[in-house]
Amino acid sequence: MNNLRDLPSMELLLQNATLLIERFGRPLTLDSLRLTLDETRARFKTDPETILPSIDNILDQAESHLSTWTSPTLLPVINATGVILHTNLGRAPLSSATIQAMNDVASNYSNLEYDLSKGKRGSRLIHAESILQKLTGAEAALVVNNNASALLLVLSALANKKRVIIARSQLVEIGGGFRVPDVMKQSGAKLVEVGTTNKVRVSDYKDALGAKTGLVMRAHRSNFKIVGFTEEPKLKDIVDVAHDADVIVVDDLGSGALLDTANYGFAHEPTVQESLAAGADLVCFSGDKLLGGPQAGIIIGKKVLIDRIKKHPLARAVRADKTCLAGVTATLVHYLKDEAEREIPIVRMMSITLDQIKVRAEAWREEVGYGEVVFSESTVGGGSLPEESIPTFVLALEVKSPDKFLERLRKANPPVIARTENDKVLFDPRTVLDEIMLINVLKKVLAEYL
């Protein structure tokens, strides 16, 4: 008859757990052994006929716990969906130079807040500013940790307890349920809606301008469209009306394009340079969307306003860290050197030709020995260029159960994220960075599945 007293002692288990202790440390190994013994005792109480595990069985179960505890939840995956800026998959992959720049400052001390020429304390706020000035023509710039922070900081610094005028059609909700009205409320600004959902005129802005107006804000609808019976004034017309009333204009672009997306077959996405040329006093945009860099919020515009923003207490709470500043700078250098199409992954994905994609898809078909190459569409995603797509070719696999096949792909090492269409699993070369790894995973999963 089984007896819990027959379980090996903790001392005996530790004597046999030398390899586990070397890999995971003694305290964590001890925790895993205790948990394994507790689980065994619980099973025994439920079923006294349970066969007690051997020392090897206990060590195997403890190792399983240790592996689970020490394995990261954030993993690299292969994006074969054809969605270039896939928010759920981390948006923009970084260029080699950007990764190197971030690694250099992360693995060493840096002059983050040290003035090398003067030999005394400096400011982290200067990093990336000069290159943003050069690229955009802005008087000043500030980098924070994301674009929602940028907007919150601008509103808090310039419009607390003041009126902020915005078109009703621009009260957008971004990913995760965050809404522009909620951000404005958090800043202490008073929201003043103008126009209707589908029709906004310059006269609506003009009529709303009055005492205690802190600023006029435009929020670019980067993740949806309003079509049909619509009307909306150009940014320059809004700027002219606001400036006539001595009110500043903030343009929240969101996606932050520095290049004309129309050059790559998409609709034109308003660029940062265009907003400044239209007279916007401040422009806010993301670093990890169409810019193709690390997560960041970037504010550019009039120096007098940027200086006020830099001094606001919230600026410290949302400031960018050294790796972010290094990464943003390295990404911007690609634009400055006119090498973005070659070096920045998402720009390269947008600019690759249809013929090049077809060649890659056919090579996959040849290597895998299964499926067919068919015409399809890629999208930008990431809250940029809504409903816009460009032609692509994909490797299409017809399998018995697409959902189960996708599940196996997700459980692979590395996980592969694909998409389905017409009961076929599709793999788009446009967004795949490591083709060899993808082919190896496909071969293995197909061998097990077919």
Protein backbone atom coordinates (compact mmCIF):
# COMPACT_ATOMS: atom_id res chain seq x y z
CA MET A 1 0.00 0.00 0.00
CA ASN A 2 1.26 3.45 -0.86
CA ASN A 3 2.32 5.70 1.99
CA LEU A 4 3.34 9.36 1.76
CA ARG A 5 6.17 8.55 4.14
CA ASP A 6 7.73 6.67 1.23
CA LEU A 7 8.30 9.91 -0.65
CA PRO A 8 12.02 10.80 -0.85
CA SER A 9 13.24 13.41 1.62
CA MET A 10 14.06 16.92 0.48
CA GLU A 11 17.69 16.31 1.38
CA LEU A 12 17.82 13.28 -0.91
CA LEU A 13 16.10 15.16 -3.72
CA LEU A 14 18.56 18.05 -3.47
CA GLN A 15 21.47 15.62 -3.58
CA ASN A 16 20.12 14.32 -6.88
CA ALA A 17 19.24 17.78 -8.25
CA THR A 18 22.79 18.96 -8.88
CA LEU A 19 22.17 19.76 -12.55
CA LEU A 20 18.99 21.67 -11.77
CA ILE A 21 20.75 23.71 -9.10
CA GLU A 22 23.53 24.58 -11.55
CA ARG A 23 20.99 25.77 -14.13
CA PHE A 24 18.42 27.47 -11.94
CA GLY A 25 20.02 28.14 -8.57
CA ARG A 26 19.38 26.40 -5.25
CA PRO A 27 16.52 28.60 -3.90
CA LEU A 28 14.39 28.27 -7.05
CA THR A 29 15.12 24.55 -7.35
CA LEU A 30 14.07 24.11 -3.73
CA ASP A 31 10.77 25.91 -4.46
CA SER A 32 10.09 23.68 -7.45
CA LEU A 33 10.73 20.51 -5.46
CA ARG A 34 8.46 21.67 -2.66
CA LEU A 35 5.70 22.44 -5.17
CA THR A 36 6.12 19.04 -6.83
CA LEU A 37 5.87 17.25 -3.47
CA ASP A 38 2.81 19.31 -2.52
CA GLU A 39 1.14 18.34 -5.81
CA THR A 40 1.96 14.69 -5.19
CA ARG A 41 0.45 14.82 -1.69
CA ALA A 42 -2.69 16.51 -3.03
CA ARG A 43 -3.15 13.80 -5.67
CA PHE A 44 -2.63 11.10 -3.02
CA LYS A 45 -5.34 12.58 -0.78
CA THR A 46 -7.77 12.50 -3.70
CA ASP A 47 -6.75 9.01 -4.76
CA PRO A 48 -4.84 6.95 -2.15
CA GLU A 49 -4.16 4.32 -4.82
CA THR A 50 -1.97 6.80 -6.76
CA ILE A 51 1.47 5.38 -7.44
CA LEU A 52 4.07 7.54 -5.77
CA PRO A 53 6.60 9.07 -8.18
CA SER A 54 10.24 8.07 -8.25
CA ILE A 55 13.08 10.51 -7.61
CA ASP A 56 13.57 10.87 -11.38
CA ASN A 57 9.86 11.59 -11.88
CA ILE A 58 9.93 14.25 -9.18
CA LEU A 59 13.02 15.87 -10.68
CA ASP A 60 11.41 15.87 -14.14
CA GLN A 61 8.30 17.59 -12.81
CA ALA A 62 10.42 20.09 -10.88
CA GLU A 63 12.37 20.86 -14.05
CA SER A 64 9.10 21.48 -15.86
CA HIS A 65 8.11 24.03 -13.20
CA LEU A 66 11.53 25.67 -13.36
CA SER A 67 11.39 25.98 -17.14
CA THR A 68 7.94 27.55 -16.95
CA TRP A 69 8.98 30.03 -14.28
CA THR A 70 12.15 31.14 -16.05
CA SER A 71 10.88 31.22 -19.64
CA PRO A 72 10.12 34.73 -20.99
CA THR A 73 6.56 35.50 -22.05
CA LEU A 74 7.75 38.00 -24.65
CA LEU A 75 9.12 36.03 -27.61
CA PRO A 76 10.31 36.79 -31.14
CA VAL A 77 7.89 35.49 -33.78
CA ILE A 78 7.85 35.24 -37.56
CA ASN A 79 5.26 37.58 -39.03
CA ALA A 80 3.93 35.94 -42.20
CA THR A 81 0.60 37.80 -42.14
CA GLY A 82 1.51 40.52 -44.61
CA VAL A 83 0.51 43.17 -42.06
CA ILE A 84 3.57 45.42 -42.01
CA LEU A 85 2.91 47.27 -38.75
CA HIS A 86 1.18 44.52 -36.78
CA THR A 87 0.34 46.09 -33.43
CA ASN A 88 -0.11 42.71 -31.73
CA LEU A 89 3.29 41.60 -33.02
CA GLY A 90 5.21 44.63 -31.76
CA ARG A 91 4.82 47.02 -34.71
CA ALA A 92 8.06 48.06 -36.41
CA PRO A 93 11.08 45.74 -36.41
CA LEU A 94 14.24 47.80 -36.08
CA SER A 95 17.16 48.33 -38.44
CA SER A 96 20.54 46.75 -37.66
CA ALA A 97 22.05 50.17 -36.96
CA THR A 98 19.20 51.02 -34.57
CA ILE A 99 19.61 47.76 -32.68
CA GLN A 100 23.36 48.32 -32.46
CA ALA A 101 22.93 51.88 -31.19
CA MET A 102 20.49 50.73 -28.50
CA ASN A 103 22.77 47.87 -27.50
CA ASP A 104 25.81 50.18 -27.28
CA VAL A 105 24.21 52.51 -24.74
CA ALA A 106 22.52 49.65 -22.87
CA SER A 107 25.75 47.69 -22.38
CA ASN A 108 27.90 50.67 -21.44
CA TYR A 109 27.79 53.90 -19.51
CA SER A 110 26.76 56.86 -21.67
CA ASN A 111 26.62 60.64 -21.71
CA LEU A 112 22.83 60.53 -21.25
CA GLU A 113 22.88 63.51 -18.88
CA TYR A 114 26.53 64.55 -19.05
CA ASP A 115 28.01 67.38 -21.12
CA LEU A 116 31.29 66.02 -22.49
CA SER A 117 32.55 69.43 -23.63
CA LYS A 118 31.90 71.16 -20.30
CA GLY A 119 32.61 68.19 -18.05
CA LYS A 120 29.46 68.62 -15.99
CA ARG A 121 25.80 67.63 -15.82
CA GLY A 122 23.91 67.93 -19.07
CA SER A 123 20.35 67.21 -20.26
CA ARG A 124 18.91 64.08 -21.82
CA LEU A 125 16.43 66.28 -23.67
CA ILE A 126 19.01 67.35 -26.25
CA HIS A 127 19.45 63.86 -27.68
CA ALA A 128 17.70 63.41 -31.06
CA GLU A 129 16.63 67.06 -31.07
CA SER A 130 19.21 68.39 -33.52
CA ILE A 131 18.59 65.64 -36.05
CA LEU A 132 14.81 66.21 -35.85
CA GLN A 133 15.44 69.91 -36.47
CA LYS A 134 17.58 69.08 -39.50
CA LEU A 135 15.11 66.58 -40.94
CA THR A 136 11.88 68.51 -40.44
CA GLY A 137 12.91 72.15 -40.19
CA ALA A 138 11.29 72.42 -36.76
CA GLU A 139 12.65 74.96 -34.27
CA ALA A 140 12.79 72.41 -31.44
CA ALA A 141 11.89 68.84 -30.56
CA LEU A 142 11.27 66.53 -27.62
CA VAL A 143 11.16 62.73 -27.42
CA VAL A 144 8.99 60.98 -24.81
CA ASN A 145 8.01 57.36 -24.29
CA ASN A 146 5.01 57.15 -26.65
CA ASN A 147 2.62 59.34 -28.62
CA ALA A 148 -0.21 59.14 -26.09
CA SER A 149 2.26 60.53 -23.53
CA ALA A 150 3.26 63.23 -26.00
CA LEU A 151 -0.33 64.37 -26.40
CA LEU A 152 -1.04 64.21 -22.66
CA LEU A 153 2.09 66.24 -21.94
CA VAL A 154 1.28 68.90 -24.55
CA LEU A 155 -2.27 69.34 -23.27
CA SER A 156 -1.18 69.37 -19.62
CA ALA A 157 1.53 71.96 -20.25
CA LEU A 158 -0.39 74.27 -22.59
CA ALA A 159 -4.12 73.77 -22.02
CA ASN A 160 -4.75 72.86 -18.38
CA LYS A 161 -8.11 74.38 -17.34
CA LYS A 162 -8.39 75.89 -20.82
CA ARG A 163 -10.61 75.14 -23.80
CA VAL A 164 -9.31 72.80 -26.50
CA ILE A 165 -11.21 72.93 -29.76
CA ILE A 166 -11.40 69.75 -31.82
CA ALA A 167 -13.67 68.47 -34.58
CA ARG A 168 -16.28 65.96 -33.47
CA SER A 169 -15.13 63.67 -36.29
CA GLN A 170 -11.66 63.46 -34.72
CA LEU A 171 -12.60 62.19 -31.27
CA VAL A 172 -10.93 58.89 -32.02
CA GLU A 173 -10.31 55.76 -30.00
CA ILE A 174 -6.89 54.18 -30.43
CA GLY A 175 -5.73 50.66 -29.55
CA GLY A 176 -6.49 49.30 -26.11
CA GLY A 177 -9.61 51.41 -25.68
CA PHE A 178 -7.76 54.69 -25.11
CA ARG A 179 -9.84 57.64 -26.30
CA VAL A 180 -8.75 61.16 -27.19
CA PRO A 181 -11.52 62.72 -25.01
CA ASP A 182 -10.26 60.72 -22.01
CA VAL A 183 -6.67 61.86 -22.59
CA MET A 184 -7.85 65.45 -22.82
CA LYS A 185 -9.86 65.12 -19.63
CA GLN A 186 -6.87 63.67 -17.79
CA SER A 187 -4.79 66.69 -18.81
CA GLY A 188 -7.26 69.11 -17.24
CA ALA A 189 -8.23 70.58 -20.59
CA LYS A 190 -11.86 71.39 -21.39
CA LEU A 191 -13.04 69.66 -24.54
CA VAL A 192 -14.95 71.82 -27.04
CA GLU A 193 -16.39 69.83 -29.94
CA VAL A 194 -17.13 71.55 -33.25
CA GLY A 195 -18.96 70.44 -36.37
CA THR A 196 -20.78 67.16 -36.86
CA THR A 197 -19.57 63.61 -37.37
CA ASN A 198 -19.41 63.99 -41.15
CA LYS A 199 -19.25 67.77 -41.72
CA VAL A 200 -16.78 70.23 -40.23
CA ARG A 201 -16.19 73.72 -41.60
CA VAL A 202 -13.70 76.50 -40.93
CA SER A 203 -16.59 78.58 -39.64
CA ASP A 204 -17.17 75.98 -36.89
CA TYR A 205 -13.67 76.62 -35.58
CA LYS A 206 -14.03 80.38 -35.93
CA ASP A 207 -17.31 80.43 -34.00
CA ALA A 208 -15.84 78.33 -31.18
CA LEU A 209 -12.73 80.46 -30.62
CA GLY A 210 -13.06 82.67 -27.59
CA ALA A 211 -11.76 83.48 -24.16
CA LYS A 212 -9.70 80.84 -22.34
CA THR A 213 -9.07 78.85 -25.50
CA GLY A 214 -5.78 77.05 -24.91
CA LEU A 215 -5.34 75.57 -28.34
CA VAL A 216 -6.95 74.09 -31.41
CA MET A 217 -6.16 70.44 -31.98
CA ARG A 218 -6.38 68.27 -35.04
CA ALA A 219 -6.24 64.49 -34.56
CA HIS A 220 -5.46 62.64 -37.78
CA ARG A 221 -7.79 59.69 -38.31
CA SER A 222 -5.02 57.20 -38.91
CA ASN A 223 -7.01 54.07 -38.05
CA PHE A 224 -10.39 54.65 -39.75
CA LYS A 225 -12.08 56.57 -42.56
CA ILE A 226 -15.22 58.67 -42.87
CA VAL A 227 -16.56 58.47 -46.41
CA GLY A 228 -19.60 59.69 -48.32
CA PHE A 229 -21.29 63.03 -47.58
CA THR A 230 -18.33 64.63 -45.81
CA GLU A 231 -16.49 67.92 -45.51
CA GLU A 232 -13.41 68.91 -43.56
CA PRO A 233 -11.14 71.96 -43.85
CA LYS A 234 -7.46 71.71 -44.67
CA LEU A 235 -5.00 72.09 -41.81
CA LYS A 236 -3.72 75.39 -43.21
CA ASP A 237 -7.23 76.88 -43.13
CA ILE A 238 -7.63 75.80 -39.50
CA VAL A 239 -4.24 77.30 -38.68
CA ASP A 240 -5.09 80.62 -40.32
CA VAL A 241 -8.33 80.99 -38.34
CA ALA A 242 -6.68 80.00 -35.06
CA HIS A 243 -3.67 82.27 -35.53
CA ASP A 244 -5.96 85.21 -36.34
CA ALA A 245 -7.29 84.69 -32.81
CA ASP A 246 -3.78 84.24 -31.35
CA VAL A 247 -4.47 80.57 -30.57
CA ILE A 248 -1.91 77.82 -31.19
CA VAL A 249 -2.59 74.71 -33.26
CA VAL A 250 -1.45 71.19 -32.35
CA ASP A 251 -1.54 68.47 -34.99
CA ASP A 252 -1.62 64.93 -33.63
CA LEU A 253 -0.50 62.92 -36.66
CA GLY A 254 -0.15 59.60 -34.87
CA SER A 255 1.54 57.52 -37.56
CA GLY A 256 4.38 59.96 -38.21
CA ALA A 257 5.31 59.49 -41.85
CA LEU A 258 8.45 61.23 -43.09
CA LEU A 259 8.16 59.77 -46.61
CA ASP A 260 5.26 59.92 -49.07
CA THR A 261 3.45 56.58 -48.79
CA ALA A 262 1.92 57.16 -52.24
CA ASN A 263 5.33 56.29 -53.68
CA TYR A 264 4.74 52.71 -52.55
CA GLY A 265 1.24 52.23 -53.91
CA PHE A 266 -0.68 53.35 -50.82
CA ALA A 267 -2.85 56.41 -50.36
CA HIS A 268 -0.98 59.53 -49.29
CA GLU A 269 -0.50 59.70 -45.53
CA PRO A 270 0.02 63.27 -44.25
CA THR A 271 3.70 63.79 -43.44
CA VAL A 272 5.28 65.55 -40.51
CA GLN A 273 6.88 68.09 -42.88
CA GLU A 274 3.49 68.92 -44.42
CA SER A 275 1.99 69.67 -41.01
CA LEU A 276 4.79 72.10 -40.20
CA ALA A 277 4.51 73.71 -43.64
CA ALA A 278 0.78 74.23 -43.04
CA GLY A 279 1.69 76.27 -39.98
CA ALA A 280 0.99 73.88 -37.10
CA ASP A 281 2.72 75.16 -33.97
CA LEU A 282 3.31 71.65 -32.64
CA VAL A 283 3.19 68.22 -34.27
CA CYS A 284 3.02 64.93 -32.32
CA PHE A 285 3.71 61.51 -33.82
CA SER A 286 4.84 57.97 -33.01
CA GLY A 287 8.31 56.53 -33.35
CA ASP A 288 7.29 52.91 -33.94
CA LYS A 289 4.73 53.28 -36.72
CA LEU A 290 5.55 54.60 -40.19
CA LEU A 291 8.79 56.10 -38.89
CA GLY A 292 10.02 52.54 -38.33
CA GLY A 293 11.86 53.07 -35.04
CA PRO A 294 11.43 52.08 -31.38
CA GLN A 295 8.36 53.01 -29.34
CA ALA A 296 8.48 56.75 -28.72
CA GLY A 297 6.39 59.89 -28.85
CA ILE A 298 7.92 62.80 -30.73
CA ILE A 299 6.92 66.45 -30.35
CA ILE A 300 8.30 69.03 -32.77
CA GLY A 301 7.49 72.67 -33.41
CA LYS A 302 7.95 76.17 -31.99
CA LYS A 303 10.83 76.48 -29.54
CA VAL A 304 8.95 78.72 -27.13
CA LEU A 305 6.27 76.03 -26.76
CA ILE A 306 8.68 73.09 -26.59
CA ASP A 307 10.62 74.90 -23.85
CA ARG A 308 7.44 75.24 -21.78
CA ILE A 309 6.63 71.57 -22.32
CA LYS A 310 10.13 70.48 -21.27
CA LYS A 311 9.74 72.30 -17.96
CA HIS A 312 6.39 70.74 -17.08
CA PRO A 313 6.55 68.22 -14.17
CA LEU A 314 4.90 65.53 -16.30
CA ALA A 315 7.83 65.67 -18.75
CA ARG A 316 9.97 63.70 -16.29
CA ALA A 317 7.28 61.06 -15.78
CA VAL A 318 7.00 60.34 -19.51
CA ARG A 319 10.62 60.90 -20.53
CA ALA A 320 12.38 58.52 -22.90
CA ASP A 321 15.15 56.28 -21.60
CA LYS A 322 18.65 56.06 -23.08
CA THR A 323 17.91 53.09 -25.34
CA CYS A 324 14.87 54.82 -26.81
CA LEU A 325 16.82 58.02 -27.49
CA ALA A 326 19.66 56.06 -29.10
CA GLY A 327 17.23 54.05 -31.22
CA VAL A 328 15.22 57.05 -32.39
CA THR A 329 18.41 58.88 -33.33
CA ALA A 330 19.80 55.94 -35.30
CA THR A 331 16.50 55.51 -37.15
CA LEU A 332 16.36 59.20 -38.05
CA VAL A 333 19.92 59.04 -39.40
CA HIS A 334 18.67 56.62 -42.07
CA TYR A 335 16.28 59.31 -43.32
CA LEU A 336 18.95 61.96 -43.13
CA LYS A 337 21.30 59.82 -45.25
CA ASP A 338 18.51 58.94 -47.73
CA GLU A 339 18.86 55.23 -47.00
CA ALA A 340 15.52 54.50 -45.34
CA GLU A 341 14.31 52.22 -48.14
CA ARG A 342 17.41 50.08 -47.82
CA GLU A 343 17.93 50.05 -44.05
CA ILE A 344 14.57 50.45 -42.28
CA PRO A 345 12.65 47.15 -42.39
CA ILE A 346 9.11 48.53 -42.70
CA VAL A 347 10.09 50.98 -45.44
CA ARG A 348 11.86 48.15 -47.24
CA MET A 349 8.70 46.04 -46.92
CA MET A 350 6.60 48.80 -48.46
CA SER A 351 9.03 49.45 -51.30
CA ILE A 352 9.76 45.86 -52.36
CA THR A 353 8.44 45.13 -55.86
CA LEU A 354 5.71 42.66 -56.69
CA ASP A 355 8.09 40.68 -58.90
CA GLN A 356 10.57 40.33 -56.03
CA ILE A 357 7.84 39.04 -53.74
CA LYS A 358 6.66 36.51 -56.34
CA VAL A 359 10.20 35.18 -56.75
CA ARG A 360 10.48 34.66 -52.98
CA ALA A 361 7.08 32.96 -52.73
CA GLU A 362 7.95 30.60 -55.59
CA ALA A 363 11.27 29.78 -53.94
CA TRP A 364 9.37 28.87 -50.76
CA ARG A 365 7.04 26.63 -52.77
CA GLU A 366 10.02 24.89 -54.30
CA GLU A 367 11.77 24.43 -50.96
CA VAL A 368 8.71 23.25 -49.02
CA GLY A 369 7.42 21.08 -51.86
CA TYR A 370 3.81 21.85 -51.12
CA GLY A 371 1.19 24.53 -51.75
CA GLU A 372 0.73 27.09 -54.48
CA VAL A 373 1.70 30.72 -55.10
CA VAL A 374 -1.36 32.96 -55.42
CA PHE A 375 -2.12 36.67 -55.68
CA SER A 376 -3.19 38.43 -52.49
CA GLU A 377 -2.91 41.74 -50.61
CA SER A 378 -0.66 43.17 -47.89
CA THR A 379 -1.69 45.94 -45.50
CA VAL A 380 0.15 48.51 -43.39
CA GLY A 381 -1.76 48.06 -40.11
CA GLY A 382 -0.64 49.62 -36.82
CA GLY A 383 -3.23 52.38 -36.95
CA SER A 384 -1.89 53.68 -40.26
CA LEU A 385 -3.51 53.98 -43.70
CA PRO A 386 -6.87 52.36 -42.85
CA GLU A 387 -8.36 50.07 -45.52
CA GLU A 388 -5.27 50.53 -47.68
CA SER A 389 -3.62 47.50 -49.25
CA ILE A 390 -1.05 46.74 -51.91
CA PRO A 391 -0.71 43.67 -54.17
CA THR A 392 1.40 40.74 -53.05
CA PHE A 393 1.97 37.06 -53.75
CA VAL A 394 1.68 34.47 -51.00
CA LEU A 395 2.39 30.81 -50.47
CA ALA A 396 -1.02 29.20 -49.92
CA LEU A 397 -1.28 25.83 -48.17
CA GLU A 398 -4.45 23.76 -48.29
CA VAL A 399 -4.65 21.73 -45.09
CA LYS A 400 -7.36 19.66 -43.44
CA SER A 401 -7.99 22.06 -40.55
CA PRO A 402 -6.54 25.57 -41.02
CA ASP A 403 -7.21 26.53 -37.40
CA LYS A 404 -5.36 23.51 -36.01
CA PHE A 405 -2.52 24.10 -38.45
CA LEU A 406 -2.24 27.74 -37.32
CA GLU A 407 -2.17 26.51 -33.73
CA ARG A 408 0.76 24.21 -34.49
CA LEU A 409 2.58 27.07 -36.18
CA ARG A 410 2.09 29.22 -33.08
CA LYS A 411 3.55 26.47 -30.90
CA ALA A 412 6.63 26.12 -33.10
CA ASN A 413 10.06 27.49 -32.23
CA PRO A 414 10.02 30.26 -33.23
CA PRO A 415 6.25 30.76 -33.42
CA VAL A 416 4.93 31.57 -36.91
CA ILE A 417 1.92 33.83 -37.29
CA ALA A 418 0.11 33.41 -40.61
CA ARG A 419 -3.42 34.13 -41.82
CA THR A 420 -6.24 32.25 -43.53
CA GLU A 421 -8.29 33.03 -46.61
CA ASN A 422 -10.78 30.75 -48.38
CA ASP A 423 -9.81 27.88 -46.05
CA LYS A 424 -6.15 28.13 -47.00
CA VAL A 425 -3.23 29.18 -44.80
CA LEU A 426 -1.32 32.07 -46.36
CA PHE A 427 2.31 33.13 -45.89
CA ASP A 428 3.23 36.59 -47.20
CA PRO A 429 6.94 37.12 -48.01
CA ARG A 430 6.58 40.89 -47.58
CA THR A 431 6.76 40.74 -43.78
CA VAL A 432 9.03 37.73 -43.27
CA LEU A 433 12.52 38.74 -42.11
CA ASP A 434 14.07 35.27 -41.67
CA GLU A 435 13.13 33.05 -44.61
CA ILE A 436 15.38 30.15 -43.62
CA MET A 437 13.79 29.94 -40.19
CA LEU A 438 10.30 30.04 -41.70
CA ILE A 439 11.07 27.27 -44.20
CA ASN A 440 12.49 25.06 -41.43
CA VAL A 441 9.38 25.53 -39.31
CA LEU A 442 7.04 24.87 -42.26
CA LYS A 443 8.86 21.69 -43.20
CA LYS A 444 8.71 20.38 -39.64
CA VAL A 445 5.05 21.25 -39.06
CA LEU A 446 3.97 19.89 -42.45
CA ALA A 447 5.84 16.63 -41.83
CA GLU A 448 3.97 16.20 -38.55
CA TYR A 449 0.59 17.35 -39.86
CA LEU A 450 0.20 15.85 -43.33
